[in-house]
Each structure stands twice: as C-alpha cells, then as structure tokens.
Amino acid sequence: MVKAIECIYEDNVLKPVGKIQLREGERIRVTIEKKLSFEPIRLKKKLTSERISALRDESWTSS
C-alpha cells in the first residue's frame, strides 16, 4: 500500500499534519519529497501551442 502524508519538520522530527492510520510500533518506509514553496503564476491570456513550442525551442543562456 502506498499513501502520501503531508508532514512538517520541527525539532528534528517529522510531524504529520493530520491524523494517520498506523498501529503503535508498525514499521513503514518513508520517502521525502520537498514541497514547492511558491504558487504557480497565472497568465493574463492563454498561450497557443505554437508559442509554447517556440519558447521550448529557444536557447537560454545565463550571465
């Protein structure tokens, strides 16, 4: 069985945000996935597939 449970890391301990269904002493495997700390942006107008393809094909360089 696989189930995702949101947790908060405090005082060196992972604490579930809500109630979880586990028995005392039950062994589990934990996988940690860091949650993104920002909200997605909202576009003013819809992008066309052509514009998306053009953006994908652009070469980006960092300065």
PDB file of N, CA and C in Angstrom:
ATOM      1  N   MET A   1       0.841  -1.173   0.000  1.00  0.00           N
ATOM      2  CA  MET A   1       0.000   0.000   0.000  1.00  0.00           C
ATOM      3  C   MET A   1       0.889   1.241   0.000  1.00  0.00           C
ATOM      4  N   VAL A   2       0.559   2.236  -0.826  1.00  0.00           N
ATOM      5  CA  VAL A   2       1.284   3.499  -0.878  1.00  0.00           C
ATOM      6  C   VAL A   2       0.324   4.616  -0.532  1.00  0.00           C
ATOM      7  N   LYS A   3       0.757   5.492   0.375  1.00  0.00           N
ATOM      8  CA  LYS A   3      -0.086   6.609   0.777  1.00  0.00           C
ATOM      9  C   LYS A   3       0.808   7.813   1.038  1.00  0.00           C
ATOM     10  N   ALA A   4       0.429   8.977   0.513  1.00  0.00           N
ATOM     11  CA  ALA A   4       1.184  10.207   0.751  1.00  0.00           C
ATOM     12  C   ALA A   4       0.602  10.912   1.972  1.00  0.00           C
ATOM     13  N   ILE A   5       1.487  11.332   2.871  1.00  0.00           N
ATOM     14  CA  ILE A   5       1.072  12.028   4.087  1.00  0.00           C
ATOM     15  C   ILE A   5       1.896  13.302   4.193  1.00  0.00           C
ATOM     16  N   GLU A   6       1.233  14.443   4.283  1.00  0.00           N
ATOM     17  CA  GLU A   6       1.940  15.712   4.423  1.00  0.00           C
ATOM     18  C   GLU A   6       2.437  15.855   5.859  1.00  0.00           C
ATOM     19  N   CYS A   7       3.711  16.257   5.993  1.00  0.00           N
ATOM     20  CA  CYS A   7       4.329  16.403   7.311  1.00  0.00           C
ATOM     21  C   CYS A   7       5.046  17.741   7.409  1.00  0.00           C
ATOM     22  N   ILE A   8       5.322  18.134   8.642  1.00  0.00           N
ATOM     23  CA  ILE A   8       6.129  19.316   8.931  1.00  0.00           C
ATOM     24  C   ILE A   8       7.353  18.839   9.701  1.00  0.00           C
ATOM     25  N   TYR A   9       8.514  19.384   9.366  1.00  0.00           N
ATOM     26  CA  TYR A   9       9.747  19.037  10.053  1.00  0.00           C
ATOM     27  C   TYR A   9      10.000  20.068  11.146  1.00  0.00           C
ATOM     28  N   GLU A  10       9.933  19.646  12.411  1.00  0.00           N
ATOM     29  CA  GLU A  10      10.140  20.526  13.556  1.00  0.00           C
ATOM     30  C   GLU A  10      10.975  19.807  14.605  1.00  0.00           C
ATOM     31  N   ASP A  11      11.947  20.510  15.168  1.00  0.00           N
ATOM     32  CA  ASP A  11      12.771  19.952  16.247  1.00  0.00           C
ATOM     33  C   ASP A  11      13.364  18.586  15.896  1.00  0.00           C
ATOM     34  N   ASN A  12      13.839  18.457  14.659  1.00  0.00           N
ATOM     35  CA  ASN A  12      14.483  17.224  14.195  1.00  0.00           C
ATOM     36  C   ASN A  12      13.525  16.036  14.079  1.00  0.00           C
ATOM     37  N   VAL A  13      12.220  16.312  13.979  1.00  0.00           N
ATOM     38  CA  VAL A  13      11.203  15.252  13.900  1.00  0.00           C
ATOM     39  C   VAL A  13      10.215  15.580  12.790  1.00  0.00           C
ATOM     40  N   LEU A  14       9.822  14.570  12.001  1.00  0.00           N
ATOM     41  CA  LEU A  14       8.749  14.740  11.018  1.00  0.00           C
ATOM     42  C   LEU A  14       7.415  14.548  11.721  1.00  0.00           C
ATOM     43  N   LYS A  15       6.546  15.569  11.648  1.00  0.00           N
ATOM     44  CA  LYS A  15       5.249  15.504  12.320  1.00  0.00           C
ATOM     45  C   LYS A  15       4.137  15.551  11.269  1.00  0.00           C
ATOM     46  N   PRO A  16       3.259  14.533  11.240  1.00  0.00           N
ATOM     47  CA  PRO A  16       2.149  14.543  10.285  1.00  0.00           C
ATOM     48  C   PRO A  16       1.245  15.754  10.513  1.00  0.00           C
ATOM     49  N   VAL A  17       0.753  16.336   9.431  1.00  0.00           N
ATOM     50  CA  VAL A  17      -0.146  17.484   9.521  1.00  0.00           C
ATOM     51  C   VAL A  17      -1.525  17.041  10.025  1.00  0.00           C
ATOM     52  N   GLY A  18      -1.950  15.857   9.624  1.00  0.00           N
ATOM     53  CA  GLY A  18      -3.249  15.336  10.057  1.00  0.00           C
ATOM     54  C   GLY A  18      -3.108  13.973  10.717  1.00  0.00           C
ATOM     55  N   LYS A  19      -4.243  13.385  11.026  1.00  0.00           N
ATOM     56  CA  LYS A  19      -4.273  12.068  11.656  1.00  0.00           C
ATOM     57  C   LYS A  19      -3.892  10.991  10.637  1.00  0.00           C
ATOM     58  N   ILE A  20      -3.123  10.000  11.078  1.00  0.00           N
ATOM     59  CA  ILE A  20      -2.731   8.898  10.196  1.00  0.00           C
ATOM     60  C   ILE A  20      -3.175   7.571  10.801  1.00  0.00           C
ATOM     61  N   GLN A  21      -3.405   6.594   9.943  1.00  0.00           N
ATOM     62  CA  GLN A  21      -3.893   5.282  10.380  1.00  0.00           C
ATOM     63  C   GLN A  21      -2.740   4.292  10.464  1.00  0.00           C
ATOM     64  N   LEU A  22      -2.007   4.302  11.587  1.00  0.00           N
ATOM     65  CA  LEU A  22      -0.928   3.357  11.831  1.00  0.00           C
ATOM     66  C   LEU A  22      -1.077   2.780  13.234  1.00  0.00           C
ATOM     67  N   ARG A  23      -0.664   1.528  13.386  1.00  0.00           N
ATOM     68  CA  ARG A  23      -0.672   0.912  14.716  1.00  0.00           C
ATOM     69  C   ARG A  23       0.626   1.253  15.429  1.00  0.00           C
ATOM     70  N   GLU A  24       0.599   1.305  16.740  1.00  0.00           N
ATOM     71  CA  GLU A  24       1.794   1.561  17.550  1.00  0.00           C
ATOM     72  C   GLU A  24       2.847   0.504  17.224  1.00  0.00           C
ATOM     73  N   GLY A  25       4.065   0.934  16.919  1.00  0.00           N
ATOM     74  CA  GLY A  25       5.163   0.024  16.611  1.00  0.00           C
ATOM     75  C   GLY A  25       5.195  -0.469  15.174  1.00  0.00           C
ATOM     76  N   GLU A  26       4.236  -0.078  14.350  1.00  0.00           N
ATOM     77  CA  GLU A  26       4.197  -0.515  12.950  1.00  0.00           C
ATOM     78  C   GLU A  26       5.377   0.074  12.183  1.00  0.00           C
ATOM     79  N   ARG A  27       6.027  -0.756  11.364  1.00  0.00           N
ATOM     80  CA  ARG A  27       7.174  -0.311  10.576  1.00  0.00           C
ATOM     81  C   ARG A  27       6.694   0.156   9.210  1.00  0.00           C
ATOM     82  N   ILE A  28       7.225   1.291   8.773  1.00  0.00           N
ATOM     83  CA  ILE A  28       6.872   1.858   7.474  1.00  0.00           C
ATOM     84  C   ILE A  28       8.141   2.317   6.774  1.00  0.00           C
ATOM     85  N   ARG A  29       8.045   2.602   5.487  1.00  0.00           N
ATOM     86  CA  ARG A  29       9.141   3.181   4.715  1.00  0.00           C
ATOM     87  C   ARG A  29       8.727   4.600   4.349  1.00  0.00           C
ATOM     88  N   VAL A  30       9.627   5.558   4.542  1.00  0.00           N
ATOM     89  CA  VAL A  30       9.331   6.967   4.290  1.00  0.00           C
ATOM     90  C   VAL A  30      10.159   7.466   3.112  1.00  0.00           C
ATOM     91  N   THR A  31       9.511   8.117   2.165  1.00  0.00           N
ATOM     92  CA  THR A  31      10.170   8.786   1.049  1.00  0.00           C
ATOM     93  C   THR A  31       9.894  10.276   1.202  1.00  0.00           C
ATOM     94  N   ILE A  32      10.931  11.090   1.127  1.00  0.00           N
ATOM     95  CA  ILE A  32      10.756  12.526   1.324  1.00  0.00           C
ATOM     96  C   ILE A  32      10.789  13.252  -0.009  1.00  0.00           C
ATOM     97  N   GLU A  33       9.780  14.066  -0.249  1.00  0.00           N
ATOM     98  CA  GLU A  33       9.679  14.889  -1.446  1.00  0.00           C
ATOM     99  C   GLU A  33       9.425  16.315  -0.979  1.00  0.00           C
ATOM    100  N   LYS A  34      10.343  17.214  -1.286  1.00  0.00           N
ATOM    101  CA  LYS A  34      10.213  18.589  -0.823  1.00  0.00           C
ATOM    102  C   LYS A  34       9.097  19.296  -1.592  1.00  0.00           C
ATOM    103  N   LYS A  35       8.201  19.921  -0.857  1.00  0.00           N
ATOM    104  CA  LYS A  35       7.077  20.635  -1.453  1.00  0.00           C
ATOM    105  C   LYS A  35       7.554  21.996  -1.963  1.00  0.00           C
ATOM    106  N   LEU A  36       7.090  22.388  -3.143  1.00  0.00           N
ATOM    107  CA  LEU A  36       7.455  23.690  -3.689  1.00  0.00           C
ATOM    108  C   LEU A  36       6.910  24.793  -2.802  1.00  0.00           C
ATOM    109  N   SER A  37       7.702  25.840  -2.611  1.00  0.00           N
ATOM    110  CA  SER A  37       7.301  26.901  -1.697  1.00  0.00           C
ATOM    111  C   SER A  37       6.681  28.102  -2.397  1.00  0.00           C
ATOM    112  N   PHE A  38       6.274  27.946  -3.653  1.00  0.00           N
ATOM    113  CA  PHE A  38       5.668  29.066  -4.358  1.00  0.00           C
ATOM    114  C   PHE A  38       4.405  28.614  -5.078  1.00  0.00           C
ATOM    115  N   GLU A  39       3.549  29.559  -5.330  1.00  0.00           N
ATOM    116  CA  GLU A  39       2.307  29.283  -6.057  1.00  0.00           C
ATOM    117  C   GLU A  39       2.564  29.455  -7.553  1.00  0.00           C
ATOM    118  N   PRO A  40       1.886  28.692  -8.398  1.00  0.00           N
ATOM    119  CA  PRO A  40       2.054  28.868  -9.843  1.00  0.00           C
ATOM    120  C   PRO A  40       1.546  30.242 -10.281  1.00  0.00           C
ATOM    121  N   ILE A  41       2.174  30.770 -11.326  1.00  0.00           N
ATOM    122  CA  ILE A  41       1.729  32.066 -11.836  1.00  0.00           C
ATOM    123  C   ILE A  41       0.477  31.885 -12.694  1.00  0.00           C
ATOM    124  N   ARG A  42      -0.308  32.920 -12.767  1.00  0.00           N
ATOM    125  CA  ARG A  42      -1.499  32.904 -13.620  1.00  0.00           C
ATOM    126  C   ARG A  42      -1.232  33.816 -14.815  1.00  0.00           C
ATOM    127  N   LEU A  43      -1.458  33.291 -16.000  1.00  0.00           N
ATOM    128  CA  LEU A  43      -1.237  34.055 -17.219  1.00  0.00           C
ATOM    129  C   LEU A  43      -2.453  34.922 -17.530  1.00  0.00           C
ATOM    130  N   LYS A  44      -2.194  36.107 -18.103  1.00  0.00           N
ATOM    131  CA  LYS A  44      -3.293  37.005 -18.453  1.00  0.00           C
ATOM    132  C   LYS A  44      -4.087  36.476 -19.644  1.00  0.00           C
ATOM    133  N   LYS A  45      -3.390  35.837 -20.586  1.00  0.00           N
ATOM    134  CA  LYS A  45      -4.095  35.248 -21.727  1.00  0.00           C
ATOM    135  C   LYS A  45      -3.521  33.873 -22.030  1.00  0.00           C
ATOM    136  N   LYS A  46      -4.325  33.060 -22.676  1.00  0.00           N
ATOM    137  CA  LYS A  46      -3.943  31.685 -22.970  1.00  0.00           C
ATOM    138  C   LYS A  46      -2.842  31.632 -24.026  1.00  0.00           C
ATOM    139  N   LEU A  47      -1.869  30.749 -23.806  1.00  0.00           N
ATOM    140  CA  LEU A  47      -0.802  30.557 -24.780  1.00  0.00           C
ATOM    141  C   LEU A  47      -1.228  29.556 -25.839  1.00  0.00           C
ATOM    142  N   THR A  48      -0.800  29.794 -27.077  1.00  0.00           N
ATOM    143  CA  THR A  48      -1.074  28.843 -28.155  1.00  0.00           C
ATOM    144  C   THR A  48       0.000  27.764 -28.137  1.00  0.00           C
ATOM    145  N   SER A  49      -0.287  26.648 -28.732  1.00  0.00           N
ATOM    146  CA  SER A  49       0.696  25.567 -28.788  1.00  0.00           C
ATOM    147  C   SER A  49       1.921  25.996 -29.596  1.00  0.00           C
ATOM    148  N   GLU A  50       1.728  26.867 -30.587  1.00  0.00           N
ATOM    149  CA  GLU A  50       2.852  27.359 -31.377  1.00  0.00           C
ATOM    150  C   GLU A  50       3.799  28.201 -30.503  1.00  0.00           C
ATOM    151  N   ARG A  51       3.235  29.042 -29.657  1.00  0.00           N
ATOM    152  CA  ARG A  51       4.052  29.883 -28.778  1.00  0.00           C
ATOM    153  C   ARG A  51       4.790  29.029 -27.756  1.00  0.00           C
ATOM    154  N   ILE A  52       4.121  28.025 -27.238  1.00  0.00           N
ATOM    155  CA  ILE A  52       4.760  27.113 -26.282  1.00  0.00           C
ATOM    156  C   ILE A  52       5.930  26.401 -26.947  1.00  0.00           C
ATOM    157  N   SER A  53       5.735  25.926 -28.184  1.00  0.00           N
ATOM    158  CA  SER A  53       6.812  25.259 -28.921  1.00  0.00           C
ATOM    159  C   SER A  53       7.969  26.211 -29.176  1.00  0.00           C
ATOM    160  N   ALA A  54       7.662  27.460 -29.515  1.00  0.00           N
ATOM    161  CA  ALA A  54       8.710  28.448 -29.759  1.00  0.00           C
ATOM    162  C   ALA A  54       9.514  28.707 -28.491  1.00  0.00           C
ATOM    163  N   LEU A  55       8.836  28.833 -27.365  1.00  0.00           N
ATOM    164  CA  LEU A  55       9.525  29.048 -26.098  1.00  0.00           C
ATOM    165  C   LEU A  55      10.396  27.854 -25.730  1.00  0.00           C
ATOM    166  N   ARG A  56       9.892  26.656 -25.986  1.00  0.00           N
ATOM    167  CA  ARG A  56      10.630  25.444 -25.674  1.00  0.00           C
ATOM    168  C   ARG A  56      11.904  25.336 -26.504  1.00  0.00           C
ATOM    169  N   ASP A  57      11.818  25.828 -27.762  1.00  0.00           N
ATOM    170  CA  ASP A  57      12.963  25.720 -28.674  1.00  0.00           C
ATOM    171  C   ASP A  57      14.028  26.796 -28.456  1.00  0.00           C
ATOM    172  N   GLU A  58      13.707  27.846 -27.723  1.00  0.00           N
ATOM    173  CA  GLU A  58      14.686  28.915 -27.502  1.00  0.00           C
ATOM    174  C   GLU A  58      15.871  28.406 -26.684  1.00  0.00           C
ATOM    175  N   SER A  59      17.018  28.951 -26.982  1.00  0.00           N
ATOM    176  CA  SER A  59      18.222  28.628 -26.203  1.00  0.00           C
ATOM    177  C   SER A  59      18.376  29.687 -25.124  1.00  0.00           C
ATOM    178  N   TRP A  60      18.449  29.253 -23.874  1.00  0.00           N
ATOM    179  CA  TRP A  60      18.589  30.181 -22.762  1.00  0.00           C
ATOM    180  C   TRP A  60      20.034  30.152 -22.288  1.00  0.00           C
ATOM    181  N   THR A  61      20.588  31.322 -22.073  1.00  0.00           N
ATOM    182  CA  THR A  61      21.944  31.406 -21.522  1.00  0.00           C
ATOM    183  C   THR A  61      21.902  32.240 -20.257  1.00  0.00           C
ATOM    184  N   SER A  62      22.741  31.878 -19.305  1.00  0.00           N
ATOM    185  CA  SER A  62      22.796  32.657 -18.071  1.00  0.00           C
ATOM    186  C   SER A  62      24.002  33.557 -18.104  1.00  0.00           C
ATOM    187  N   SER A  63      23.881  34.705 -17.479  1.00  0.00           N
ATOM    188  CA  SER A  63      25.012  35.642 -17.473  1.00  0.00           C
ATOM    189  C   SER A  63      25.798  35.537 -16.198  1.00  0.00           C
TER     190      SER A  63
END
